[in-house]
Amino acid sequence: MTKRSGGVGTGGGVAIALLIAFPAAAQTGQSAYKAPVISDTGRLKGPRQPIFFRHDVHAGQDQIPCLYCHSTVTISSEPGIPAVQTCFGCHQIIGGSNAEPTNQAEIKKVREAWINKRPPVWTRVHALPGFVRFPHQRHIKILGTESCITCHGDVRSMPQVYQVATLKMGWCVNCHVQRNVSRDCTVCHY
């Protein structure tokens, strides 16, 4: 059994499995999308986060499926923000020696968060009022694992995630009408 001492833990096997399962993540050149270098983040849509996490690199360029990081979405009402352990599982190996200096700085933040046992305090991007329930697992089960794009937009092309859909009641009801799904109030308000 390996004892954790604030350094490398069990995530290495996860990172290796990820690189085997998703070879684009290993920079094999198989990905059709190449994320642009971004030197000025001030012009990007969406809230600034403590770590500049690039969905266009991870989900777009490297083709890592949403469910790899947001694994609880199929069993929980909340999709959940991935634990630092998930990020560190890859970034204890993928250090960015060939990466842009700005990417290296962000990877360093991930490593420091893991070592110091202080996860980043993320700014919520998609928020619903407290009286509305949106059971993610129900939607994923019915619409499929590629349905995230319906509400969140194509994050594979977003350097920084921002809210695409209004997520207002009329928008949700319209989706239910289009799919011939119940519009009973108790479906979302309970």
N, C-alpha and C. Protein backbone atom coordinates (compact mmCIF):
# COMPACT_ATOMS: atom_id res chain seq x y z
N MET A 1 0.85 -1.17 0.00
CA MET A 1 0.00 0.00 0.00
C MET A 1 0.89 1.23 0.00
N THR A 2 0.54 2.22 -0.81
CA THR A 2 1.32 3.44 -0.92
C THR A 2 0.81 4.48 0.05
N LYS A 3 1.71 5.07 0.81
CA LYS A 3 1.33 6.12 1.72
C LYS A 3 1.44 7.46 1.00
N ARG A 4 0.41 8.30 1.13
CA ARG A 4 0.45 9.61 0.50
C ARG A 4 1.20 10.58 1.40
N SER A 5 2.11 11.32 0.80
CA SER A 5 2.87 12.29 1.58
C SER A 5 2.78 13.66 0.93
N GLY A 6 1.58 13.98 0.42
CA GLY A 6 1.39 15.28 -0.20
C GLY A 6 1.96 15.33 -1.61
N GLY A 7 2.49 14.25 -2.08
CA GLY A 7 3.09 14.22 -3.42
C GLY A 7 2.31 13.30 -4.31
N VAL A 8 3.01 12.48 -5.02
CA VAL A 8 2.38 11.57 -5.97
C VAL A 8 1.62 10.49 -5.22
N GLY A 9 0.38 10.26 -5.65
CA GLY A 9 -0.45 9.25 -5.01
C GLY A 9 -0.90 8.21 -6.02
N THR A 10 -2.14 7.80 -5.89
CA THR A 10 -2.66 6.74 -6.75
C THR A 10 -3.18 7.24 -8.08
N GLY A 11 -3.17 8.53 -8.31
CA GLY A 11 -3.72 9.09 -9.54
C GLY A 11 -2.92 8.74 -10.78
N GLY A 12 -1.67 8.33 -10.63
CA GLY A 12 -0.84 8.02 -11.79
C GLY A 12 -1.44 6.95 -12.67
N GLY A 13 -1.99 5.93 -12.04
CA GLY A 13 -2.64 4.87 -12.80
C GLY A 13 -3.85 5.39 -13.56
N VAL A 14 -4.57 6.32 -12.94
CA VAL A 14 -5.72 6.94 -13.60
C VAL A 14 -5.26 7.72 -14.81
N ALA A 15 -4.18 8.47 -14.67
CA ALA A 15 -3.67 9.27 -15.78
C ALA A 15 -3.21 8.37 -16.92
N ILE A 16 -2.55 7.30 -16.60
CA ILE A 16 -2.09 6.38 -17.64
C ILE A 16 -3.28 5.75 -18.34
N ALA A 17 -4.30 5.35 -17.55
CA ALA A 17 -5.51 4.78 -18.15
C ALA A 17 -6.19 5.80 -19.05
N LEU A 18 -6.20 7.07 -18.63
CA LEU A 18 -6.80 8.12 -19.44
C LEU A 18 -6.06 8.27 -20.75
N LEU A 19 -4.76 8.26 -20.71
CA LEU A 19 -3.95 8.42 -21.91
C LEU A 19 -4.12 7.24 -22.87
N ILE A 20 -4.35 6.06 -22.31
CA ILE A 20 -4.58 4.88 -23.15
C ILE A 20 -5.99 4.93 -23.74
N ALA A 21 -6.98 5.28 -22.92
CA ALA A 21 -8.36 5.30 -23.37
C ALA A 21 -8.65 6.44 -24.34
N PHE A 22 -7.99 7.59 -24.15
CA PHE A 22 -8.22 8.76 -24.99
C PHE A 22 -6.89 9.22 -25.56
N PRO A 23 -6.40 8.55 -26.60
CA PRO A 23 -5.07 8.86 -27.12
C PRO A 23 -4.88 10.30 -27.55
N ALA A 24 -5.95 11.00 -27.90
CA ALA A 24 -5.79 12.41 -28.27
C ALA A 24 -5.25 13.20 -27.09
N ALA A 25 -5.56 12.75 -25.88
CA ALA A 25 -5.05 13.41 -24.69
C ALA A 25 -3.54 13.24 -24.57
N ALA A 26 -3.01 12.26 -25.26
CA ALA A 26 -1.56 12.04 -25.24
C ALA A 26 -0.87 12.82 -26.36
N GLN A 27 -1.62 13.74 -26.99
CA GLN A 27 -1.07 14.59 -28.03
C GLN A 27 -0.58 13.78 -29.23
N THR A 28 -1.39 12.83 -29.67
CA THR A 28 -1.00 12.01 -30.81
C THR A 28 -1.33 12.67 -32.14
N GLY A 29 -1.99 13.81 -32.08
CA GLY A 29 -2.33 14.51 -33.31
C GLY A 29 -3.59 13.99 -33.96
N GLN A 30 -4.34 13.11 -33.31
CA GLN A 30 -5.55 12.55 -33.89
C GLN A 30 -6.72 13.50 -33.81
N SER A 31 -6.64 14.49 -32.93
CA SER A 31 -7.74 15.41 -32.74
C SER A 31 -7.80 16.40 -33.90
N ALA A 32 -9.02 16.65 -34.37
CA ALA A 32 -9.20 17.60 -35.48
C ALA A 32 -9.14 19.04 -34.98
N TYR A 33 -9.40 19.25 -33.70
CA TYR A 33 -9.45 20.59 -33.14
C TYR A 33 -8.15 20.92 -32.41
N LYS A 34 -7.59 22.06 -32.68
CA LYS A 34 -6.40 22.52 -31.97
C LYS A 34 -6.77 23.81 -31.25
N ALA A 35 -6.75 23.77 -29.94
CA ALA A 35 -7.13 24.94 -29.14
C ALA A 35 -6.13 26.07 -29.35
N PRO A 36 -6.63 27.28 -29.53
CA PRO A 36 -5.73 28.41 -29.75
C PRO A 36 -5.00 28.80 -28.46
N VAL A 37 -3.85 29.41 -28.62
CA VAL A 37 -3.13 29.97 -27.48
C VAL A 37 -3.86 31.25 -27.10
N ILE A 38 -4.10 31.42 -25.82
CA ILE A 38 -4.80 32.62 -25.35
C ILE A 38 -3.88 33.38 -24.42
N SER A 39 -3.56 34.60 -24.81
CA SER A 39 -2.68 35.41 -23.99
C SER A 39 -3.45 36.47 -23.21
N ASP A 40 -4.66 36.81 -23.64
CA ASP A 40 -5.47 37.82 -22.95
C ASP A 40 -6.80 37.19 -22.56
N THR A 41 -6.93 36.79 -21.30
CA THR A 41 -8.18 36.15 -20.85
C THR A 41 -9.24 37.17 -20.48
N GLY A 42 -8.87 38.44 -20.42
CA GLY A 42 -9.82 39.48 -20.02
C GLY A 42 -10.98 39.66 -20.99
N ARG A 43 -10.82 39.23 -22.23
CA ARG A 43 -11.87 39.40 -23.23
C ARG A 43 -12.77 38.17 -23.37
N LEU A 44 -12.49 37.15 -22.61
CA LEU A 44 -13.29 35.92 -22.71
C LEU A 44 -14.62 36.09 -22.00
N LYS A 45 -15.65 35.43 -22.53
CA LYS A 45 -16.96 35.40 -21.87
C LYS A 45 -16.86 34.53 -20.63
N GLY A 46 -17.73 34.79 -19.68
CA GLY A 46 -17.83 33.95 -18.49
C GLY A 46 -17.03 34.48 -17.33
N PRO A 47 -17.34 33.95 -16.14
CA PRO A 47 -16.65 34.41 -14.93
C PRO A 47 -15.20 33.92 -14.87
N ARG A 48 -14.36 34.70 -14.25
CA ARG A 48 -12.97 34.30 -14.02
C ARG A 48 -12.96 33.26 -12.92
N GLN A 49 -12.14 32.26 -13.10
CA GLN A 49 -12.04 31.17 -12.13
C GLN A 49 -10.67 31.19 -11.48
N PRO A 50 -10.52 30.57 -10.31
CA PRO A 50 -9.21 30.55 -9.64
C PRO A 50 -8.14 29.81 -10.43
N ILE A 51 -8.57 28.84 -11.24
CA ILE A 51 -7.67 28.14 -12.15
C ILE A 51 -8.31 28.27 -13.53
N PHE A 52 -7.54 28.73 -14.50
CA PHE A 52 -8.04 28.90 -15.86
C PHE A 52 -8.12 27.53 -16.50
N PHE A 53 -9.26 26.86 -16.27
CA PHE A 53 -9.48 25.52 -16.80
C PHE A 53 -10.04 25.63 -18.21
N ARG A 54 -9.34 25.09 -19.16
CA ARG A 54 -9.74 25.22 -20.56
C ARG A 54 -10.50 23.99 -21.04
N HIS A 55 -11.83 24.13 -21.13
CA HIS A 55 -12.64 23.05 -21.67
C HIS A 55 -12.30 22.80 -23.14
N ASP A 56 -11.92 23.85 -23.87
CA ASP A 56 -11.59 23.65 -25.29
C ASP A 56 -10.34 22.79 -25.45
N VAL A 57 -9.47 22.78 -24.47
CA VAL A 57 -8.28 21.92 -24.52
C VAL A 57 -8.66 20.51 -24.07
N HIS A 58 -9.29 20.40 -22.90
CA HIS A 58 -9.58 19.09 -22.33
C HIS A 58 -10.66 18.33 -23.11
N ALA A 59 -11.83 18.97 -23.30
CA ALA A 59 -12.95 18.31 -23.98
C ALA A 59 -12.86 18.42 -25.50
N GLY A 60 -12.31 19.52 -25.99
CA GLY A 60 -12.21 19.73 -27.44
C GLY A 60 -10.99 19.09 -28.04
N GLN A 61 -9.85 19.67 -27.78
CA GLN A 61 -8.59 19.19 -28.37
C GLN A 61 -8.25 17.77 -27.94
N ASP A 62 -8.32 17.51 -26.63
CA ASP A 62 -7.93 16.20 -26.11
C ASP A 62 -9.06 15.17 -26.12
N GLN A 63 -10.27 15.61 -26.43
CA GLN A 63 -11.44 14.75 -26.58
C GLN A 63 -11.76 13.92 -25.33
N ILE A 64 -11.57 14.49 -24.17
CA ILE A 64 -11.93 13.80 -22.92
C ILE A 64 -13.44 13.98 -22.72
N PRO A 65 -14.20 12.89 -22.59
CA PRO A 65 -15.65 13.00 -22.44
C PRO A 65 -16.05 13.73 -21.16
N CYS A 66 -17.17 14.43 -21.22
CA CYS A 66 -17.68 15.17 -20.06
C CYS A 66 -17.76 14.27 -18.82
N LEU A 67 -18.20 13.02 -19.02
CA LEU A 67 -18.43 12.13 -17.88
C LEU A 67 -17.13 11.65 -17.22
N TYR A 68 -15.99 11.85 -17.85
CA TYR A 68 -14.75 11.47 -17.18
C TYR A 68 -14.54 12.35 -15.95
N CYS A 69 -14.73 13.64 -16.10
CA CYS A 69 -14.55 14.56 -14.97
C CYS A 69 -15.83 14.75 -14.17
N HIS A 70 -16.96 14.82 -14.86
CA HIS A 70 -18.25 15.02 -14.20
C HIS A 70 -18.94 13.66 -14.03
N SER A 71 -18.27 12.76 -13.34
CA SER A 71 -18.71 11.36 -13.27
C SER A 71 -19.99 11.17 -12.47
N THR A 72 -20.35 12.08 -11.58
CA THR A 72 -21.54 11.89 -10.76
C THR A 72 -22.82 12.31 -11.46
N VAL A 73 -22.72 12.88 -12.65
CA VAL A 73 -23.90 13.40 -13.33
C VAL A 73 -24.92 12.31 -13.65
N THR A 74 -24.51 11.09 -13.79
CA THR A 74 -25.45 10.01 -14.12
C THR A 74 -26.14 9.42 -12.89
N ILE A 75 -25.69 9.79 -11.71
CA ILE A 75 -26.28 9.22 -10.49
C ILE A 75 -26.74 10.28 -9.50
N SER A 76 -26.60 11.54 -9.83
CA SER A 76 -26.89 12.61 -8.89
C SER A 76 -27.70 13.72 -9.55
N SER A 77 -28.39 14.48 -8.73
CA SER A 77 -29.10 15.64 -9.26
C SER A 77 -28.13 16.72 -9.70
N GLU A 78 -27.01 16.80 -9.02
CA GLU A 78 -25.98 17.79 -9.33
C GLU A 78 -24.87 17.14 -10.15
N PRO A 79 -24.37 17.83 -11.16
CA PRO A 79 -23.27 17.25 -11.94
C PRO A 79 -21.98 17.24 -11.15
N GLY A 80 -21.86 18.17 -10.24
CA GLY A 80 -20.67 18.22 -9.40
C GLY A 80 -19.46 18.79 -10.11
N ILE A 81 -18.71 19.55 -9.38
CA ILE A 81 -17.44 20.04 -9.86
C ILE A 81 -16.44 18.95 -9.52
N PRO A 82 -15.61 18.55 -10.46
CA PRO A 82 -14.66 17.47 -10.20
C PRO A 82 -13.75 17.79 -9.01
N ALA A 83 -13.43 16.76 -8.27
CA ALA A 83 -12.51 16.91 -7.14
C ALA A 83 -11.10 17.19 -7.67
N VAL A 84 -10.30 17.87 -6.88
CA VAL A 84 -8.92 18.15 -7.26
C VAL A 84 -8.19 16.85 -7.56
N GLN A 85 -8.57 15.78 -6.90
CA GLN A 85 -7.96 14.48 -7.14
C GLN A 85 -8.11 14.06 -8.61
N THR A 86 -9.26 14.40 -9.20
CA THR A 86 -9.48 14.07 -10.61
C THR A 86 -8.48 14.80 -11.49
N CYS A 87 -8.31 16.10 -11.22
CA CYS A 87 -7.36 16.91 -12.00
C CYS A 87 -5.93 16.43 -11.76
N PHE A 88 -5.61 16.21 -10.50
CA PHE A 88 -4.25 15.81 -10.13
C PHE A 88 -3.91 14.43 -10.67
N GLY A 89 -4.93 13.57 -10.79
CA GLY A 89 -4.70 12.23 -11.33
C GLY A 89 -3.98 12.27 -12.67
N CYS A 90 -4.29 13.25 -13.48
CA CYS A 90 -3.60 13.41 -14.77
C CYS A 90 -2.39 14.33 -14.64
N HIS A 91 -2.58 15.41 -13.90
CA HIS A 91 -1.54 16.44 -13.89
C HIS A 91 -0.37 16.17 -12.95
N GLN A 92 -0.37 15.03 -12.30
CA GLN A 92 0.87 14.62 -11.62
C GLN A 92 1.84 14.07 -12.65
N ILE A 93 1.30 13.63 -13.80
CA ILE A 93 2.14 13.13 -14.89
C ILE A 93 2.25 14.17 -16.00
N ILE A 94 1.13 14.76 -16.37
CA ILE A 94 1.12 15.77 -17.43
C ILE A 94 1.43 17.11 -16.78
N GLY A 95 2.69 17.48 -16.86
CA GLY A 95 3.15 18.67 -16.16
C GLY A 95 3.26 19.90 -17.01
N GLY A 96 3.19 19.74 -18.28
CA GLY A 96 3.26 20.90 -19.13
C GLY A 96 4.66 21.31 -19.53
N SER A 97 5.62 20.38 -19.50
CA SER A 97 6.98 20.75 -19.90
C SER A 97 7.00 21.22 -21.35
N ASN A 98 6.11 20.68 -22.17
CA ASN A 98 6.00 21.12 -23.56
C ASN A 98 4.88 22.14 -23.74
N ALA A 99 4.20 22.45 -22.66
CA ALA A 99 3.05 23.35 -22.73
C ALA A 99 3.49 24.81 -22.69
N GLU A 100 2.54 25.65 -23.02
CA GLU A 100 2.76 27.09 -22.93
C GLU A 100 3.02 27.45 -21.47
N PRO A 101 3.82 28.48 -21.20
CA PRO A 101 4.09 28.90 -19.82
C PRO A 101 2.83 29.19 -19.02
N THR A 102 1.80 29.77 -19.67
CA THR A 102 0.57 30.04 -18.93
C THR A 102 -0.12 28.75 -18.51
N ASN A 103 -0.06 27.71 -19.37
CA ASN A 103 -0.64 26.42 -19.00
C ASN A 103 0.14 25.80 -17.85
N GLN A 104 1.45 25.93 -17.86
CA GLN A 104 2.27 25.41 -16.78
C GLN A 104 1.89 26.07 -15.46
N ALA A 105 1.61 27.37 -15.48
CA ALA A 105 1.23 28.08 -14.26
C ALA A 105 -0.10 27.55 -13.72
N GLU A 106 -1.04 27.25 -14.61
CA GLU A 106 -2.34 26.74 -14.17
C GLU A 106 -2.21 25.31 -13.63
N ILE A 107 -1.38 24.50 -14.28
CA ILE A 107 -1.14 23.14 -13.79
C ILE A 107 -0.47 23.19 -12.42
N LYS A 108 0.40 24.14 -12.22
CA LYS A 108 1.05 24.32 -10.91
C LYS A 108 0.00 24.62 -9.84
N LYS A 109 -1.01 25.41 -10.18
CA LYS A 109 -2.09 25.70 -9.23
C LYS A 109 -2.83 24.43 -8.83
N VAL A 110 -3.06 23.55 -9.81
CA VAL A 110 -3.73 22.27 -9.53
C VAL A 110 -2.89 21.45 -8.56
N ARG A 111 -1.62 21.35 -8.84
CA ARG A 111 -0.72 20.57 -7.98
C ARG A 111 -0.66 21.15 -6.57
N GLU A 112 -0.57 22.48 -6.47
CA GLU A 112 -0.52 23.12 -5.15
C GLU A 112 -1.82 22.90 -4.38
N ALA A 113 -2.96 22.95 -5.08
CA ALA A 113 -4.25 22.69 -4.43
C ALA A 113 -4.28 21.28 -3.85
N TRP A 114 -3.73 20.32 -4.59
CA TRP A 114 -3.70 18.93 -4.13
C TRP A 114 -2.76 18.78 -2.93
N ILE A 115 -1.57 19.31 -3.06
CA ILE A 115 -0.57 19.17 -2.00
C ILE A 115 -1.03 19.86 -0.72
N ASN A 116 -1.61 21.05 -0.86
CA ASN A 116 -2.05 21.82 0.31
C ASN A 116 -3.43 21.44 0.80
N LYS A 117 -4.07 20.49 0.10
CA LYS A 117 -5.41 20.02 0.45
C LYS A 117 -6.40 21.19 0.54
N ARG A 118 -6.29 22.11 -0.42
CA ARG A 118 -7.17 23.27 -0.50
C ARG A 118 -7.73 23.37 -1.92
N PRO A 119 -8.92 22.80 -2.14
CA PRO A 119 -9.49 22.88 -3.48
C PRO A 119 -9.83 24.33 -3.84
N PRO A 120 -9.78 24.65 -5.12
CA PRO A 120 -10.13 26.01 -5.54
C PRO A 120 -11.60 26.31 -5.23
N VAL A 121 -11.91 27.56 -4.99
CA VAL A 121 -13.29 27.98 -4.80
C VAL A 121 -13.77 28.48 -6.16
N TRP A 122 -14.50 27.61 -6.85
CA TRP A 122 -14.95 27.91 -8.19
C TRP A 122 -16.14 28.85 -8.16
N THR A 123 -16.27 29.67 -9.17
CA THR A 123 -17.43 30.55 -9.34
C THR A 123 -18.45 29.80 -10.19
N ARG A 124 -19.65 29.69 -9.66
CA ARG A 124 -20.70 28.95 -10.36
C ARG A 124 -21.07 29.66 -11.66
N VAL A 125 -21.22 28.91 -12.73
CA VAL A 125 -21.55 29.48 -14.04
C VAL A 125 -23.05 29.31 -14.32
N HIS A 126 -23.58 28.14 -14.08
CA HIS A 126 -25.00 27.85 -14.35
C HIS A 126 -25.72 27.71 -13.01
N ALA A 127 -26.61 28.63 -12.73
CA ALA A 127 -27.34 28.61 -11.45
C ALA A 127 -28.84 28.74 -11.71
N LEU A 128 -29.60 27.97 -10.98
CA LEU A 128 -31.05 28.04 -11.03
C LEU A 128 -31.55 28.57 -9.70
N PRO A 129 -32.73 29.18 -9.67
CA PRO A 129 -33.29 29.63 -8.40
C PRO A 129 -33.49 28.44 -7.45
N GLY A 130 -33.49 28.69 -6.17
CA GLY A 130 -33.61 27.63 -5.17
C GLY A 130 -34.90 26.84 -5.25
N PHE A 131 -35.92 27.38 -5.86
CA PHE A 131 -37.20 26.69 -5.94
C PHE A 131 -37.33 25.82 -7.20
N VAL A 132 -36.25 25.71 -7.97
CA VAL A 132 -36.26 24.91 -9.20
C VAL A 132 -35.31 23.72 -9.02
N ARG A 133 -35.76 22.56 -9.43
CA ARG A 133 -34.92 21.37 -9.38
C ARG A 133 -34.64 20.92 -10.81
N PHE A 134 -33.40 20.60 -11.07
CA PHE A 134 -33.02 20.07 -12.37
C PHE A 134 -32.21 18.80 -12.13
N PRO A 135 -32.88 17.66 -12.12
CA PRO A 135 -32.16 16.40 -11.88
C PRO A 135 -31.33 16.00 -13.10
N HIS A 136 -30.05 16.24 -13.01
CA HIS A 136 -29.16 15.94 -14.13
C HIS A 136 -29.23 14.47 -14.55
N GLN A 137 -29.24 13.56 -13.56
CA GLN A 137 -29.22 12.14 -13.91
C GLN A 137 -30.42 11.75 -14.75
N ARG A 138 -31.58 12.33 -14.50
CA ARG A 138 -32.78 12.01 -15.26
C ARG A 138 -32.62 12.47 -16.71
N HIS A 139 -32.07 13.66 -16.90
CA HIS A 139 -31.90 14.19 -18.25
C HIS A 139 -30.84 13.40 -19.03
N ILE A 140 -29.75 13.05 -18.37
CA ILE A 140 -28.69 12.27 -19.02
C ILE A 140 -29.21 10.88 -19.40
N LYS A 141 -30.00 10.30 -18.50
CA LYS A 141 -30.54 8.96 -18.77
C LYS A 141 -31.45 8.97 -19.99
N ILE A 142 -32.27 10.00 -20.12
CA ILE A 142 -33.23 10.06 -21.23
C ILE A 142 -32.59 10.60 -22.51
N LEU A 143 -31.78 11.66 -22.39
CA LEU A 143 -31.24 12.32 -23.59
C LEU A 143 -29.89 11.79 -24.03
N GLY A 144 -29.20 11.07 -23.16
CA GLY A 144 -27.90 10.51 -23.52
C GLY A 144 -26.74 11.33 -23.00
N THR A 145 -25.58 10.72 -22.99
CA THR A 145 -24.39 11.35 -22.40
C THR A 145 -23.83 12.49 -23.24
N GLU A 146 -24.26 12.62 -24.47
CA GLU A 146 -23.80 13.74 -25.30
C GLU A 146 -24.76 14.92 -25.23
N SER A 147 -25.77 14.85 -24.36
CA SER A 147 -26.80 15.89 -24.31
C SER A 147 -26.40 17.12 -23.50
N CYS A 148 -25.26 17.12 -22.89
CA CYS A 148 -24.81 18.27 -22.09
C CYS A 148 -24.85 19.55 -22.93
N ILE A 149 -24.57 19.41 -24.21
CA ILE A 149 -24.52 20.54 -25.13
C ILE A 149 -25.86 21.27 -25.22
N THR A 150 -26.97 20.56 -24.94
CA THR A 150 -28.30 21.14 -25.02
C THR A 150 -28.42 22.37 -24.11
N CYS A 151 -27.95 22.26 -22.88
CA CYS A 151 -28.07 23.37 -21.93
C CYS A 151 -26.77 24.16 -21.79
N HIS A 152 -25.64 23.48 -21.89
CA HIS A 152 -24.36 24.13 -21.62
C HIS A 152 -23.65 24.66 -22.86
N GLY A 153 -24.20 24.39 -24.03
CA GLY A 153 -23.53 24.80 -25.25
C GLY A 153 -22.37 23.87 -25.54
N ASP A 154 -21.67 24.14 -26.61
CA ASP A 154 -20.54 23.29 -27.00
C ASP A 154 -19.29 23.74 -26.26
N VAL A 155 -19.12 23.22 -25.05
CA VAL A 155 -17.96 23.62 -24.23
C VAL A 155 -16.65 23.16 -24.85
N ARG A 156 -16.73 22.23 -25.81
CA ARG A 156 -15.51 21.77 -26.48
C ARG A 156 -14.82 22.89 -27.24
N SER A 157 -15.53 23.97 -27.50
CA SER A 157 -14.93 25.10 -28.21
C SER A 157 -14.82 26.35 -27.33
N MET A 158 -15.09 26.20 -26.02
CA MET A 158 -15.04 27.35 -25.11
C MET A 158 -13.74 27.34 -24.31
N PRO A 159 -12.90 28.34 -24.49
CA PRO A 159 -11.72 28.43 -23.63
C PRO A 159 -12.12 28.59 -22.16
N GLN A 160 -13.18 29.34 -21.93
CA GLN A 160 -13.69 29.55 -20.58
C GLN A 160 -15.20 29.37 -20.65
N VAL A 161 -15.76 28.55 -19.78
CA VAL A 161 -17.19 28.25 -19.85
C VAL A 161 -18.00 29.47 -19.46
N TYR A 162 -19.06 29.68 -20.23
CA TYR A 162 -20.01 30.75 -19.94
C TYR A 162 -21.41 30.21 -20.20
N GLN A 163 -22.41 30.90 -19.67
CA GLN A 163 -23.79 30.44 -19.82
C GLN A 163 -24.29 30.78 -21.21
N VAL A 164 -24.76 29.76 -21.93
CA VAL A 164 -25.25 29.92 -23.30
C VAL A 164 -26.77 30.06 -23.31
N ALA A 165 -27.45 29.16 -22.63
CA ALA A 165 -28.92 29.16 -22.58
C ALA A 165 -29.40 30.01 -21.42
N THR A 166 -30.58 30.56 -21.55
CA THR A 166 -31.12 31.41 -20.48
C THR A 166 -31.43 30.61 -19.22
N LEU A 167 -31.81 29.36 -19.40
CA LEU A 167 -32.23 28.49 -18.31
C LEU A 167 -33.44 29.05 -17.55
N LYS A 168 -34.18 29.93 -18.21
CA LYS A 168 -35.41 30.47 -17.61
C LYS A 168 -36.54 29.49 -17.89
N MET A 169 -37.61 29.65 -17.16
CA MET A 169 -38.72 28.70 -17.23
C MET A 169 -39.23 28.50 -18.66
N GLY A 170 -39.40 29.58 -19.40
CA GLY A 170 -39.89 29.46 -20.77
C GLY A 170 -38.97 28.64 -21.65
N TRP A 171 -37.67 28.77 -21.44
CA TRP A 171 -36.69 28.02 -22.21
C TRP A 171 -36.82 26.53 -21.90
N CYS A 172 -36.96 26.20 -20.62
CA CYS A 172 -37.10 24.80 -20.20
C CYS A 172 -38.42 24.21 -20.69
N VAL A 173 -39.51 24.97 -20.54
CA VAL A 173 -40.82 24.49 -20.98
C VAL A 173 -40.80 24.24 -22.49
N ASN A 174 -40.17 25.12 -23.25
CA ASN A 174 -40.06 24.93 -24.70
C ASN A 174 -39.37 23.60 -25.03
N CYS A 175 -38.32 23.27 -24.29
CA CYS A 175 -37.62 22.00 -24.51
C CYS A 175 -38.55 20.82 -24.21
N HIS A 176 -39.32 20.93 -23.13
CA HIS A 176 -40.27 19.87 -22.78
C HIS A 176 -41.36 19.73 -23.84
N VAL A 177 -41.83 20.85 -24.38
CA VAL A 177 -42.85 20.82 -25.44
C VAL A 177 -42.28 20.14 -26.68
N GLN A 178 -41.07 20.52 -27.09
CA GLN A 178 -40.44 19.94 -28.27
C GLN A 178 -40.26 18.43 -28.14
N ARG A 179 -40.01 17.96 -26.93
CA ARG A 179 -39.75 16.53 -26.73
C ARG A 179 -40.97 15.78 -26.20
N ASN A 180 -42.11 16.48 -26.12
CA ASN A 180 -43.35 15.89 -25.64
C ASN A 180 -43.19 15.27 -24.25
N VAL A 181 -42.60 16.06 -23.36
CA VAL A 181 -42.34 15.63 -21.99
C VAL A 181 -43.31 16.37 -21.06
N SER A 182 -43.61 15.78 -19.93
CA SER A 182 -44.55 16.38 -18.97
C SER A 182 -44.17 17.81 -18.64
N ARG A 183 -45.22 18.62 -18.52
CA ARG A 183 -45.03 20.00 -18.10
C ARG A 183 -45.74 20.25 -16.77
N ASP A 184 -45.98 19.19 -16.04
CA ASP A 184 -46.57 19.29 -14.71
C ASP A 184 -45.61 20.09 -13.82
N CYS A 185 -46.11 21.03 -13.07
CA CYS A 185 -45.28 21.91 -12.23
C CYS A 185 -44.37 21.13 -11.27
N THR A 186 -44.90 20.00 -10.77
CA THR A 186 -44.13 19.24 -9.77
C THR A 186 -42.92 18.52 -10.35
N VAL A 187 -42.78 18.52 -11.67
CA VAL A 187 -41.60 17.91 -12.29
C VAL A 187 -40.35 18.68 -11.90
N CYS A 188 -40.46 20.01 -11.86
CA CYS A 188 -39.28 20.86 -11.57
C CYS A 188 -39.39 21.59 -10.24
N HIS A 189 -40.59 21.74 -9.72
CA HIS A 189 -40.79 22.49 -8.48
C HIS A 189 -41.27 21.54 -7.38
N TYR A 190 -40.35 21.07 -6.58
CA TYR A 190 -40.69 20.16 -5.47
C TYR A 190 -39.78 20.40 -4.31
